[in-house]
Amino acid sequence: MEANLVSLCKKCKALGYFGSYVRKEDYVEGVSDINIFAISDDKSLLLELGSYSGISPIVISEEKFREICESGDIICYYILYDSKLICGELPKVEFTINDNTCERLKMSSSSFIKLSFEAFKRNDEIGTLENAYRAIRSLIQYISCSSLRKIPISNSEIKETCIKLNLNFCKEFDNLILLRNMKSPLTPWALNRIYNIINSQIKMDFSSTSI
């Protein structure tokens, strides 16, 4: 796949992977997304990248990339600190964690748990599990962002941060990692447990029985 992606390098300033695909200890084939970013003004790249099976692409102009970095958008953080370039170089930008960064993580946690329930209703076991994992992951990142002004990325960093913050749901995150690695389904009880954890930390806009 990467050999084919190289052919797109002439259309962008930078092209690369971000997310768990660049962290082999966290990547689970068939469960994790393969996230690709391109810094380019050529929007046709989105269609070209989208034609590859299993890829979740983002195409963003250099100007827009600078804007989201200045605003503290979490996507900028991931591209800067959780990526592997295929070609090109990233624009020189400064990123500062701010309230917007933390708020985006908070919103992500809420969105992911909702997606998990929706996947459960469709009998999508992988979607249920992966979105529940992302929901707890984002919750720990949000609390770390708000309390420590730091954002852990890898599973090991997130587990360490969870313990450091003395949170009472670190075991649930461990369990989700194990289920993910085994590609085992999440039980309704476990899904509701995760909802209750998130709801105890941030105000949810839906109840677990309304979906």
N, C-alpha and C. Protein backbone atom coordinates (compact mmCIF):
# COMPACT_ATOMS: atom_id res chain seq x y z
N MET A 1 0.82 -1.21 0.00
CA MET A 1 0.00 0.00 0.00
C MET A 1 0.85 1.26 0.00
N GLU A 2 1.89 1.27 0.83
CA GLU A 2 2.72 2.48 0.94
C GLU A 2 3.38 2.83 -0.39
N ALA A 3 3.76 1.81 -1.17
CA ALA A 3 4.37 2.06 -2.47
C ALA A 3 3.41 2.80 -3.38
N ASN A 4 2.12 2.47 -3.31
CA ASN A 4 1.11 3.16 -4.11
C ASN A 4 0.89 4.58 -3.61
N LEU A 5 0.95 4.76 -2.30
CA LEU A 5 0.73 6.09 -1.73
C LEU A 5 1.84 7.06 -2.12
N VAL A 6 3.04 6.54 -2.29
CA VAL A 6 4.18 7.39 -2.66
C VAL A 6 3.90 8.12 -3.97
N SER A 7 3.12 7.51 -4.85
CA SER A 7 2.81 8.15 -6.14
C SER A 7 2.01 9.43 -5.97
N LEU A 8 1.42 9.63 -4.79
CA LEU A 8 0.62 10.84 -4.53
C LEU A 8 1.46 11.97 -3.94
N CYS A 9 2.72 11.68 -3.64
CA CYS A 9 3.56 12.66 -2.95
C CYS A 9 3.71 13.97 -3.72
N LYS A 10 3.71 13.88 -5.04
CA LYS A 10 3.91 15.09 -5.85
C LYS A 10 2.73 16.06 -5.72
N LYS A 11 1.63 15.59 -5.15
CA LYS A 11 0.44 16.43 -5.03
C LYS A 11 0.31 17.09 -3.66
N CYS A 12 1.26 16.83 -2.76
CA CYS A 12 1.09 17.37 -1.41
C CYS A 12 2.42 17.80 -0.80
N LYS A 13 2.30 18.66 0.20
CA LYS A 13 3.48 19.10 0.95
C LYS A 13 3.96 18.03 1.90
N ALA A 14 3.02 17.28 2.45
CA ALA A 14 3.36 16.18 3.37
C ALA A 14 2.27 15.13 3.31
N LEU A 15 2.70 13.88 3.41
CA LEU A 15 1.78 12.75 3.41
C LEU A 15 2.26 11.75 4.46
N GLY A 16 1.35 11.27 5.27
CA GLY A 16 1.80 10.35 6.31
C GLY A 16 0.67 9.63 7.02
N TYR A 17 1.05 8.72 7.89
CA TYR A 17 0.12 8.01 8.75
C TYR A 17 0.04 8.72 10.10
N PHE A 18 -1.09 8.59 10.78
CA PHE A 18 -1.14 9.01 12.18
C PHE A 18 -2.09 8.09 12.93
N GLY A 19 -1.93 8.06 14.24
CA GLY A 19 -2.76 7.17 15.04
C GLY A 19 -2.07 5.85 15.33
N SER A 20 -2.84 4.86 15.73
CA SER A 20 -2.26 3.61 16.23
C SER A 20 -1.48 2.84 15.18
N TYR A 21 -1.70 3.13 13.90
CA TYR A 21 -0.96 2.42 12.85
C TYR A 21 0.54 2.67 12.97
N VAL A 22 0.92 3.81 13.54
CA VAL A 22 2.35 4.11 13.70
C VAL A 22 2.87 3.59 15.04
N ARG A 23 1.98 3.04 15.86
CA ARG A 23 2.37 2.43 17.13
C ARG A 23 2.01 0.95 17.08
N LYS A 24 2.94 0.15 16.64
CA LYS A 24 2.64 -1.26 16.37
C LYS A 24 2.13 -2.00 17.61
N GLU A 25 2.54 -1.54 18.80
CA GLU A 25 2.08 -2.21 20.02
C GLU A 25 0.60 -1.94 20.30
N ASP A 26 0.05 -0.89 19.68
CA ASP A 26 -1.36 -0.53 19.90
C ASP A 26 -2.25 -0.88 18.71
N TYR A 27 -1.65 -1.12 17.56
CA TYR A 27 -2.43 -1.38 16.34
C TYR A 27 -2.95 -2.81 16.33
N VAL A 28 -4.24 -2.97 16.06
CA VAL A 28 -4.86 -4.30 15.96
C VAL A 28 -5.48 -4.42 14.57
N GLU A 29 -4.91 -5.27 13.76
CA GLU A 29 -5.40 -5.43 12.39
C GLU A 29 -6.85 -5.90 12.39
N GLY A 30 -7.65 -5.25 11.55
CA GLY A 30 -9.06 -5.59 11.48
C GLY A 30 -9.93 -4.87 12.49
N VAL A 31 -9.28 -4.14 13.40
CA VAL A 31 -10.01 -3.38 14.41
C VAL A 31 -9.65 -1.89 14.31
N SER A 32 -8.36 -1.59 14.34
CA SER A 32 -7.89 -0.21 14.29
C SER A 32 -8.07 0.38 12.89
N ASP A 33 -8.31 1.67 12.84
CA ASP A 33 -8.31 2.40 11.57
C ASP A 33 -6.87 2.63 11.12
N ILE A 34 -6.70 2.79 9.81
CA ILE A 34 -5.43 3.27 9.27
C ILE A 34 -5.66 4.72 8.86
N ASN A 35 -5.22 5.64 9.68
CA ASN A 35 -5.44 7.07 9.44
C ASN A 35 -4.31 7.64 8.59
N ILE A 36 -4.69 8.35 7.53
CA ILE A 36 -3.73 8.99 6.63
C ILE A 36 -4.04 10.48 6.58
N PHE A 37 -2.99 11.30 6.61
CA PHE A 37 -3.20 12.74 6.42
C PHE A 37 -2.38 13.22 5.22
N ALA A 38 -2.91 14.24 4.56
CA ALA A 38 -2.17 14.90 3.47
C ALA A 38 -2.30 16.40 3.67
N ILE A 39 -1.18 17.10 3.66
CA ILE A 39 -1.19 18.56 3.68
C ILE A 39 -1.13 19.01 2.23
N SER A 40 -2.26 19.49 1.73
CA SER A 40 -2.35 19.80 0.30
C SER A 40 -3.56 20.67 0.02
N ASP A 41 -3.48 21.46 -1.06
CA ASP A 41 -4.63 22.24 -1.53
C ASP A 41 -5.46 21.43 -2.52
N ASP A 42 -4.96 20.28 -2.93
CA ASP A 42 -5.61 19.46 -3.94
C ASP A 42 -6.64 18.54 -3.28
N LYS A 43 -7.91 18.93 -3.35
CA LYS A 43 -8.97 18.17 -2.68
C LYS A 43 -9.25 16.84 -3.36
N SER A 44 -8.79 16.66 -4.60
CA SER A 44 -8.99 15.38 -5.28
C SER A 44 -8.25 14.25 -4.56
N LEU A 45 -7.28 14.63 -3.74
CA LEU A 45 -6.54 13.63 -2.97
C LEU A 45 -7.46 12.84 -2.03
N LEU A 46 -8.51 13.50 -1.57
CA LEU A 46 -9.43 12.83 -0.65
C LEU A 46 -10.08 11.62 -1.32
N LEU A 47 -10.48 11.80 -2.59
CA LEU A 47 -11.07 10.70 -3.34
C LEU A 47 -10.05 9.62 -3.63
N GLU A 48 -8.85 10.04 -3.99
CA GLU A 48 -7.80 9.06 -4.31
C GLU A 48 -7.42 8.24 -3.08
N LEU A 49 -7.25 8.92 -1.94
CA LEU A 49 -6.91 8.20 -0.71
C LEU A 49 -8.08 7.32 -0.25
N GLY A 50 -9.29 7.84 -0.44
CA GLY A 50 -10.48 7.09 -0.03
C GLY A 50 -10.72 5.83 -0.84
N SER A 51 -10.05 5.73 -1.99
CA SER A 51 -10.22 4.55 -2.84
C SER A 51 -9.48 3.33 -2.29
N TYR A 52 -8.57 3.57 -1.33
CA TYR A 52 -7.84 2.46 -0.72
C TYR A 52 -8.65 1.87 0.42
N SER A 53 -8.86 0.58 0.39
CA SER A 53 -9.66 -0.10 1.41
C SER A 53 -9.02 0.01 2.79
N GLY A 54 -9.86 0.36 3.78
CA GLY A 54 -9.39 0.38 5.16
C GLY A 54 -8.71 1.66 5.59
N ILE A 55 -8.64 2.65 4.70
CA ILE A 55 -7.97 3.91 5.03
C ILE A 55 -8.99 4.97 5.42
N SER A 56 -8.68 5.74 6.47
CA SER A 56 -9.49 6.90 6.86
C SER A 56 -8.64 8.15 6.60
N PRO A 57 -8.89 8.87 5.50
CA PRO A 57 -8.02 9.98 5.12
C PRO A 57 -8.50 11.35 5.60
N ILE A 58 -7.54 12.24 5.80
CA ILE A 58 -7.79 13.65 6.05
C ILE A 58 -6.92 14.43 5.07
N VAL A 59 -7.52 15.35 4.34
CA VAL A 59 -6.75 16.24 3.45
C VAL A 59 -7.01 17.67 3.92
N ILE A 60 -5.94 18.39 4.20
CA ILE A 60 -6.06 19.73 4.76
C ILE A 60 -5.01 20.65 4.14
N SER A 61 -5.40 21.87 3.83
CA SER A 61 -4.45 22.81 3.25
C SER A 61 -3.44 23.25 4.31
N GLU A 62 -2.30 23.75 3.86
CA GLU A 62 -1.29 24.22 4.81
C GLU A 62 -1.84 25.37 5.65
N GLU A 63 -2.59 26.26 5.00
CA GLU A 63 -3.16 27.40 5.73
C GLU A 63 -4.12 26.93 6.82
N LYS A 64 -4.98 25.97 6.47
CA LYS A 64 -5.94 25.45 7.45
C LYS A 64 -5.22 24.68 8.55
N PHE A 65 -4.16 23.97 8.19
CA PHE A 65 -3.39 23.23 9.19
C PHE A 65 -2.81 24.19 10.22
N ARG A 66 -2.26 25.31 9.74
CA ARG A 66 -1.72 26.30 10.66
C ARG A 66 -2.81 26.85 11.57
N GLU A 67 -3.99 27.07 11.01
CA GLU A 67 -5.11 27.60 11.79
C GLU A 67 -5.52 26.64 12.91
N ILE A 68 -5.64 25.35 12.57
CA ILE A 68 -6.09 24.41 13.60
C ILE A 68 -5.01 24.20 14.67
N CYS A 69 -3.76 24.35 14.27
CA CYS A 69 -2.68 24.23 15.26
C CYS A 69 -2.71 25.41 16.22
N GLU A 70 -2.93 26.60 15.67
CA GLU A 70 -2.99 27.80 16.51
C GLU A 70 -4.18 27.74 17.47
N SER A 71 -5.27 27.10 17.03
CA SER A 71 -6.46 27.03 17.88
C SER A 71 -6.39 25.90 18.91
N GLY A 72 -5.34 25.06 18.80
CA GLY A 72 -5.19 23.96 19.75
C GLY A 72 -6.01 22.73 19.41
N ASP A 73 -6.35 22.58 18.13
CA ASP A 73 -7.14 21.42 17.70
C ASP A 73 -6.36 20.13 17.91
N ILE A 74 -7.04 19.12 18.47
CA ILE A 74 -6.37 17.86 18.80
C ILE A 74 -5.84 17.15 17.56
N ILE A 75 -6.46 17.35 16.39
CA ILE A 75 -5.98 16.71 15.16
C ILE A 75 -4.57 17.18 14.85
N CYS A 76 -4.30 18.45 15.05
CA CYS A 76 -2.95 18.98 14.85
C CYS A 76 -1.97 18.27 15.77
N TYR A 77 -2.36 18.09 17.01
CA TYR A 77 -1.48 17.42 17.99
C TYR A 77 -1.12 16.01 17.53
N TYR A 78 -2.12 15.28 17.04
CA TYR A 78 -1.86 13.92 16.58
C TYR A 78 -0.93 13.90 15.37
N ILE A 79 -1.16 14.83 14.44
CA ILE A 79 -0.31 14.87 13.24
C ILE A 79 1.12 15.25 13.60
N LEU A 80 1.28 16.13 14.57
CA LEU A 80 2.62 16.56 14.98
C LEU A 80 3.35 15.49 15.79
N TYR A 81 2.63 14.82 16.69
CA TYR A 81 3.30 13.98 17.69
C TYR A 81 2.96 12.49 17.64
N ASP A 82 2.08 12.11 16.72
CA ASP A 82 1.69 10.70 16.64
C ASP A 82 1.58 10.28 15.17
N SER A 83 2.62 10.60 14.40
CA SER A 83 2.57 10.36 12.97
C SER A 83 3.89 9.81 12.43
N LYS A 84 3.80 9.30 11.22
CA LYS A 84 4.98 8.82 10.49
C LYS A 84 4.85 9.31 9.06
N LEU A 85 5.81 10.11 8.63
CA LEU A 85 5.76 10.67 7.28
C LEU A 85 6.08 9.61 6.23
N ILE A 86 5.32 9.65 5.15
CA ILE A 86 5.64 8.85 3.97
C ILE A 86 6.54 9.66 3.06
N CYS A 87 6.24 10.96 2.97
CA CYS A 87 7.06 11.87 2.18
C CYS A 87 6.77 13.31 2.58
N GLY A 88 7.65 14.22 2.16
CA GLY A 88 7.48 15.63 2.45
C GLY A 88 7.88 15.99 3.87
N GLU A 89 7.47 17.17 4.29
CA GLU A 89 7.74 17.62 5.66
C GLU A 89 6.58 18.45 6.16
N LEU A 90 6.38 18.39 7.46
CA LEU A 90 5.29 19.14 8.07
C LEU A 90 5.65 20.62 8.14
N PRO A 91 4.66 21.50 7.98
CA PRO A 91 4.91 22.93 8.17
C PRO A 91 5.42 23.19 9.59
N LYS A 92 6.28 24.16 9.73
CA LYS A 92 6.79 24.51 11.06
C LYS A 92 5.72 25.32 11.79
N VAL A 93 5.14 24.69 12.78
CA VAL A 93 4.07 25.34 13.56
C VAL A 93 4.32 25.09 15.04
N GLU A 94 3.70 25.91 15.85
CA GLU A 94 3.75 25.72 17.30
C GLU A 94 2.37 25.29 17.78
N PHE A 95 2.36 24.33 18.68
CA PHE A 95 1.10 23.86 19.23
C PHE A 95 1.12 24.04 20.74
N THR A 96 0.07 24.67 21.25
CA THR A 96 -0.07 24.84 22.70
C THR A 96 -1.39 24.25 23.14
N ILE A 97 -1.35 23.36 24.10
CA ILE A 97 -2.58 22.79 24.64
C ILE A 97 -3.37 23.89 25.35
N ASN A 98 -4.64 24.01 25.00
CA ASN A 98 -5.48 25.03 25.63
C ASN A 98 -6.86 24.45 25.93
N ASP A 99 -7.77 25.29 26.36
CA ASP A 99 -9.11 24.81 26.73
C ASP A 99 -9.83 24.18 25.55
N ASN A 100 -9.58 24.70 24.35
CA ASN A 100 -10.21 24.13 23.15
C ASN A 100 -9.76 22.69 22.93
N THR A 101 -8.48 22.43 23.18
CA THR A 101 -7.95 21.08 23.04
C THR A 101 -8.69 20.12 23.97
N CYS A 102 -8.81 20.53 25.21
CA CYS A 102 -9.48 19.68 26.21
C CYS A 102 -10.95 19.49 25.87
N GLU A 103 -11.59 20.54 25.40
CA GLU A 103 -13.01 20.46 25.06
C GLU A 103 -13.24 19.49 23.91
N ARG A 104 -12.34 19.49 22.92
CA ARG A 104 -12.46 18.56 21.79
C ARG A 104 -12.35 17.11 22.27
N LEU A 105 -11.46 16.86 23.22
CA LEU A 105 -11.32 15.51 23.76
C LEU A 105 -12.58 15.10 24.54
N LYS A 106 -13.13 16.04 25.27
CA LYS A 106 -14.37 15.79 26.01
C LYS A 106 -15.51 15.42 25.05
N MET A 107 -15.63 16.20 23.99
CA MET A 107 -16.67 15.94 22.99
C MET A 107 -16.44 14.60 22.30
N SER A 108 -15.18 14.27 22.06
CA SER A 108 -14.85 12.99 21.42
C SER A 108 -15.31 11.81 22.27
N SER A 109 -15.07 11.90 23.56
CA SER A 109 -15.47 10.82 24.46
C SER A 109 -16.97 10.58 24.39
N SER A 110 -17.73 11.66 24.44
CA SER A 110 -19.19 11.57 24.36
C SER A 110 -19.64 11.00 23.02
N SER A 111 -19.01 11.47 21.94
CA SER A 111 -19.38 11.00 20.59
C SER A 111 -19.07 9.53 20.41
N PHE A 112 -17.92 9.10 20.90
CA PHE A 112 -17.51 7.71 20.72
C PHE A 112 -18.43 6.73 21.46
N ILE A 113 -18.84 7.10 22.68
CA ILE A 113 -19.71 6.16 23.41
C ILE A 113 -21.08 6.09 22.73
N LYS A 114 -21.52 7.19 22.15
CA LYS A 114 -22.78 7.17 21.41
C LYS A 114 -22.65 6.27 20.18
N LEU A 115 -21.53 6.39 19.47
CA LEU A 115 -21.28 5.53 18.31
C LEU A 115 -21.21 4.06 18.72
N SER A 116 -20.68 3.81 19.90
CA SER A 116 -20.59 2.44 20.39
C SER A 116 -21.98 1.83 20.59
N PHE A 117 -22.90 2.60 21.18
CA PHE A 117 -24.26 2.12 21.37
C PHE A 117 -24.96 1.90 20.02
N GLU A 118 -24.72 2.82 19.08
CA GLU A 118 -25.34 2.68 17.76
C GLU A 118 -24.82 1.43 17.06
N ALA A 119 -23.52 1.16 17.21
CA ALA A 119 -22.93 -0.04 16.62
C ALA A 119 -23.51 -1.30 17.27
N PHE A 120 -23.73 -1.23 18.58
CA PHE A 120 -24.31 -2.37 19.30
C PHE A 120 -25.70 -2.70 18.76
N LYS A 121 -26.48 -1.67 18.47
CA LYS A 121 -27.83 -1.89 17.93
C LYS A 121 -27.79 -2.54 16.55
N ARG A 122 -26.69 -2.29 15.81
CA ARG A 122 -26.53 -2.89 14.48
C ARG A 122 -25.87 -4.27 14.54
N ASN A 123 -25.61 -4.75 15.75
CA ASN A 123 -24.87 -6.01 15.94
C ASN A 123 -23.46 -5.95 15.36
N ASP A 124 -22.90 -4.77 15.38
CA ASP A 124 -21.52 -4.55 14.90
C ASP A 124 -20.58 -4.68 16.11
N GLU A 125 -20.06 -5.88 16.31
CA GLU A 125 -19.26 -6.14 17.51
C GLU A 125 -17.95 -5.35 17.51
N ILE A 126 -17.30 -5.26 16.35
CA ILE A 126 -16.03 -4.53 16.27
C ILE A 126 -16.26 -3.04 16.51
N GLY A 127 -17.31 -2.49 15.89
CA GLY A 127 -17.62 -1.07 16.08
C GLY A 127 -17.98 -0.75 17.52
N THR A 128 -18.72 -1.64 18.16
CA THR A 128 -19.07 -1.46 19.58
C THR A 128 -17.83 -1.40 20.44
N LEU A 129 -16.95 -2.37 20.24
CA LEU A 129 -15.73 -2.47 21.04
C LEU A 129 -14.78 -1.30 20.79
N GLU A 130 -14.52 -1.02 19.52
CA GLU A 130 -13.53 0.01 19.19
C GLU A 130 -13.98 1.39 19.65
N ASN A 131 -15.25 1.70 19.48
CA ASN A 131 -15.73 3.02 19.91
C ASN A 131 -15.80 3.15 21.42
N ALA A 132 -16.08 2.04 22.12
CA ALA A 132 -16.04 2.07 23.59
C ALA A 132 -14.61 2.31 24.07
N TYR A 133 -13.67 1.64 23.44
CA TYR A 133 -12.24 1.84 23.75
C TYR A 133 -11.84 3.30 23.52
N ARG A 134 -12.25 3.85 22.39
CA ARG A 134 -11.91 5.24 22.07
C ARG A 134 -12.57 6.21 23.05
N ALA A 135 -13.77 5.86 23.51
CA ALA A 135 -14.49 6.73 24.45
C ALA A 135 -13.74 6.84 25.78
N ILE A 136 -13.32 5.70 26.33
CA ILE A 136 -12.56 5.72 27.59
C ILE A 136 -11.20 6.37 27.38
N ARG A 137 -10.57 6.05 26.26
CA ARG A 137 -9.26 6.64 25.94
C ARG A 137 -9.35 8.16 25.90
N SER A 138 -10.36 8.67 25.20
CA SER A 138 -10.54 10.13 25.09
C SER A 138 -10.87 10.75 26.44
N LEU A 139 -11.62 10.01 27.27
CA LEU A 139 -11.96 10.52 28.60
C LEU A 139 -10.71 10.72 29.45
N ILE A 140 -9.82 9.73 29.45
CA ILE A 140 -8.58 9.85 30.22
C ILE A 140 -7.72 10.98 29.66
N GLN A 141 -7.68 11.09 28.34
CA GLN A 141 -6.92 12.19 27.72
C GLN A 141 -7.52 13.54 28.11
N TYR A 142 -8.85 13.62 28.13
CA TYR A 142 -9.51 14.87 28.51
C TYR A 142 -9.17 15.27 29.95
N ILE A 143 -9.25 14.31 30.86
CA ILE A 143 -8.95 14.62 32.26
C ILE A 143 -7.49 15.02 32.42
N SER A 144 -6.60 14.33 31.70
CA SER A 144 -5.18 14.68 31.74
C SER A 144 -4.94 16.07 31.15
N CYS A 145 -5.64 16.36 30.06
CA CYS A 145 -5.52 17.67 29.42
C CYS A 145 -5.94 18.78 30.38
N SER A 146 -7.06 18.57 31.06
CA SER A 146 -7.59 19.58 31.98
C SER A 146 -6.76 19.72 33.25
N SER A 147 -6.28 18.59 33.78
CA SER A 147 -5.58 18.59 35.07
C SER A 147 -4.09 18.82 34.95
N LEU A 148 -3.48 18.23 33.92
CA LEU A 148 -2.02 18.24 33.80
C LEU A 148 -1.51 19.05 32.61
N ARG A 149 -2.43 19.42 31.72
CA ARG A 149 -2.05 20.07 30.46
C ARG A 149 -1.08 19.18 29.66
N LYS A 150 -1.34 17.88 29.74
CA LYS A 150 -0.59 16.90 28.96
C LYS A 150 -1.58 15.94 28.31
N ILE A 151 -1.22 15.44 27.12
CA ILE A 151 -2.09 14.49 26.43
C ILE A 151 -1.32 13.21 26.14
N PRO A 152 -1.57 12.15 26.90
CA PRO A 152 -0.91 10.88 26.61
C PRO A 152 -1.47 10.30 25.31
N ILE A 153 -0.64 9.56 24.59
CA ILE A 153 -1.06 9.03 23.29
C ILE A 153 -1.13 7.51 23.26
N SER A 154 -0.03 6.85 23.57
CA SER A 154 -0.01 5.39 23.49
C SER A 154 -0.82 4.78 24.63
N ASN A 155 -1.22 3.53 24.46
CA ASN A 155 -1.96 2.84 25.52
C ASN A 155 -1.17 2.81 26.83
N SER A 156 0.13 2.57 26.73
CA SER A 156 0.95 2.52 27.95
C SER A 156 1.00 3.88 28.63
N GLU A 157 1.11 4.95 27.84
CA GLU A 157 1.12 6.31 28.42
C GLU A 157 -0.23 6.62 29.08
N ILE A 158 -1.30 6.20 28.43
CA ILE A 158 -2.64 6.47 28.97
C ILE A 158 -2.86 5.69 30.26
N LYS A 159 -2.40 4.45 30.31
CA LYS A 159 -2.52 3.67 31.55
C LYS A 159 -1.73 4.30 32.69
N GLU A 160 -0.52 4.74 32.39
CA GLU A 160 0.31 5.40 33.40
C GLU A 160 -0.35 6.68 33.90
N THR A 161 -0.92 7.45 32.97
CA THR A 161 -1.58 8.70 33.33
C THR A 161 -2.82 8.43 34.17
N CYS A 162 -3.57 7.41 33.81
CA CYS A 162 -4.77 7.04 34.56
C CYS A 162 -4.43 6.74 36.02
N ILE A 163 -3.35 5.99 36.21
CA ILE A 163 -2.90 5.65 37.57
C ILE A 163 -2.41 6.91 38.29
N LYS A 164 -1.66 7.74 37.58
CA LYS A 164 -1.13 8.98 38.17
C LYS A 164 -2.26 9.89 38.64
N LEU A 165 -3.34 9.94 37.87
CA LEU A 165 -4.48 10.78 38.21
C LEU A 165 -5.40 10.12 39.26
N ASN A 166 -5.06 8.89 39.62
CA ASN A 166 -5.83 8.14 40.62
C ASN A 166 -7.30 7.98 40.22
N LEU A 167 -7.51 7.71 38.94
CA LEU A 167 -8.87 7.49 38.44
C LEU A 167 -9.30 6.07 38.79
N ASN A 168 -10.60 5.90 38.98
CA ASN A 168 -11.09 4.61 39.47
C ASN A 168 -11.58 3.69 38.35
N PHE A 169 -11.22 4.00 37.11
CA PHE A 169 -11.65 3.15 36.00
C PHE A 169 -10.49 2.71 35.11
N CYS A 170 -9.28 2.70 35.66
CA CYS A 170 -8.11 2.25 34.89
C CYS A 170 -8.24 0.79 34.49
N LYS A 171 -8.87 -0.01 35.37
CA LYS A 171 -9.04 -1.43 35.07
C LYS A 171 -9.93 -1.62 33.84
N GLU A 172 -10.94 -0.77 33.70
CA GLU A 172 -11.84 -0.87 32.54
C GLU A 172 -11.07 -0.60 31.25
N PHE A 173 -10.15 0.35 31.29
CA PHE A 173 -9.34 0.62 30.10
C PHE A 173 -8.45 -0.58 29.78
N ASP A 174 -7.86 -1.17 30.80
CA ASP A 174 -7.06 -2.39 30.62
C ASP A 174 -7.89 -3.51 29.99
N ASN A 175 -9.10 -3.67 30.48
CA ASN A 175 -9.98 -4.73 29.96
C ASN A 175 -10.32 -4.50 28.49
N LEU A 176 -10.55 -3.25 28.13
CA LEU A 176 -10.86 -2.93 26.74
C LEU A 176 -9.68 -3.20 25.82
N ILE A 177 -8.48 -2.92 26.30
CA ILE A 177 -7.28 -3.22 25.51
C ILE A 177 -7.18 -4.73 25.27
N LEU A 178 -7.44 -5.51 26.31
CA LEU A 178 -7.38 -6.97 26.20
C LEU A 178 -8.44 -7.49 25.23
N LEU A 179 -9.67 -7.00 25.36
CA LEU A 179 -10.74 -7.41 24.46
C LEU A 179 -10.42 -7.05 23.02
N ARG A 180 -9.84 -5.86 22.84
CA ARG A 180 -9.44 -5.40 21.51
C ARG A 180 -8.42 -6.34 20.90
N ASN A 181 -7.41 -6.67 21.67
CA ASN A 181 -6.35 -7.55 21.17
C ASN A 181 -6.89 -8.94 20.81
N MET A 182 -7.89 -9.38 21.55
CA MET A 182 -8.49 -10.70 21.31
C MET A 182 -9.64 -10.63 20.31
N LYS A 183 -10.05 -9.40 19.97
CA LYS A 183 -11.21 -9.17 19.09
C LYS A 183 -12.46 -9.85 19.66
N SER A 184 -12.62 -9.70 20.96
CA SER A 184 -13.76 -10.30 21.66
C SER A 184 -14.88 -9.27 21.80
N PRO A 185 -16.13 -9.70 21.74
CA PRO A 185 -17.25 -8.76 21.84
C PRO A 185 -17.41 -8.18 23.23
N LEU A 186 -17.99 -7.01 23.27
CA LEU A 186 -18.28 -6.32 24.53
C LEU A 186 -19.69 -6.68 24.96
N THR A 187 -19.87 -7.06 26.21
CA THR A 187 -21.20 -7.43 26.69
C THR A 187 -22.04 -6.18 26.93
N PRO A 188 -23.37 -6.30 26.91
CA PRO A 188 -24.23 -5.14 27.21
C PRO A 188 -23.91 -4.55 28.59
N TRP A 189 -23.64 -5.43 29.56
CA TRP A 189 -23.31 -4.95 30.91
C TRP A 189 -22.06 -4.09 30.88
N ALA A 190 -21.01 -4.55 30.16
CA ALA A 190 -19.75 -3.81 30.09
C ALA A 190 -19.94 -2.48 29.37
N LEU A 191 -20.76 -2.48 28.32
CA LEU A 191 -21.02 -1.24 27.58
C LEU A 191 -21.73 -0.23 28.47
N ASN A 192 -22.71 -0.67 29.22
CA ASN A 192 -23.41 0.23 30.14
C ASN A 192 -22.50 0.72 31.25
N ARG A 193 -21.61 -0.14 31.69
CA ARG A 193 -20.63 0.25 32.71
C ARG A 193 -19.75 1.39 32.18
N ILE A 194 -19.31 1.29 30.94
CA ILE A 194 -18.47 2.33 30.35
C ILE A 194 -19.26 3.62 30.19
N TYR A 195 -20.53 3.50 29.77
CA TYR A 195 -21.38 4.69 29.68
C TYR A 195 -21.46 5.38 31.04
N ASN A 196 -21.69 4.62 32.10
CA ASN A 196 -21.83 5.19 33.44
C ASN A 196 -20.55 5.87 33.90
N ILE A 197 -19.41 5.29 33.54
CA ILE A 197 -18.12 5.91 33.89
C ILE A 197 -18.00 7.28 33.22
N ILE A 198 -18.29 7.31 31.93
CA ILE A 198 -18.17 8.56 31.19
C ILE A 198 -19.19 9.58 31.69
N ASN A 199 -20.40 9.12 31.93
CA ASN A 199 -21.45 10.02 32.41
C ASN A 199 -21.14 10.59 33.79
N SER A 200 -20.35 9.87 34.57
CA SER A 200 -19.98 10.36 35.91
C SER A 200 -18.92 11.46 35.83
N GLN A 201 -18.23 11.55 34.71
CA GLN A 201 -17.14 12.51 34.55
C GLN A 201 -17.53 13.73 33.72
N ILE A 202 -18.36 13.49 32.71
CA ILE A 202 -18.79 14.59 31.84
C ILE A 202 -20.29 14.48 31.62
N LYS A 203 -20.93 15.60 31.40
CA LYS A 203 -22.38 15.60 31.22
C LYS A 203 -22.73 15.10 29.83
N MET A 204 -23.46 13.99 29.76
CA MET A 204 -23.85 13.40 28.49
C MET A 204 -25.16 14.01 28.01
N ASP A 205 -25.33 14.05 26.68
CA ASP A 205 -26.56 14.61 26.13
C ASP A 205 -27.56 13.51 25.74
N PHE A 206 -27.32 12.29 26.22
CA PHE A 206 -28.25 11.20 25.96
C PHE A 206 -28.13 10.18 27.09
N SER A 207 -29.18 9.37 27.26
CA SER A 207 -29.13 8.31 28.26
C SER A 207 -28.84 6.99 27.58
N SER A 208 -28.30 6.05 28.32
CA SER A 208 -27.94 4.75 27.73
C SER A 208 -29.17 3.97 27.28
N THR A 209 -30.35 4.36 27.76
CA THR A 209 -31.58 3.65 27.37
C THR A 209 -32.30 4.33 26.21
N SER A 210 -31.79 5.49 25.76
CA SER A 210 -32.48 6.25 24.72
C SER A 210 -32.02 5.88 23.32
N ILE A 211 -30.99 5.05 23.21
CA ILE A 211 -30.44 4.70 21.90
C ILE A 211 -30.88 3.29 21.51
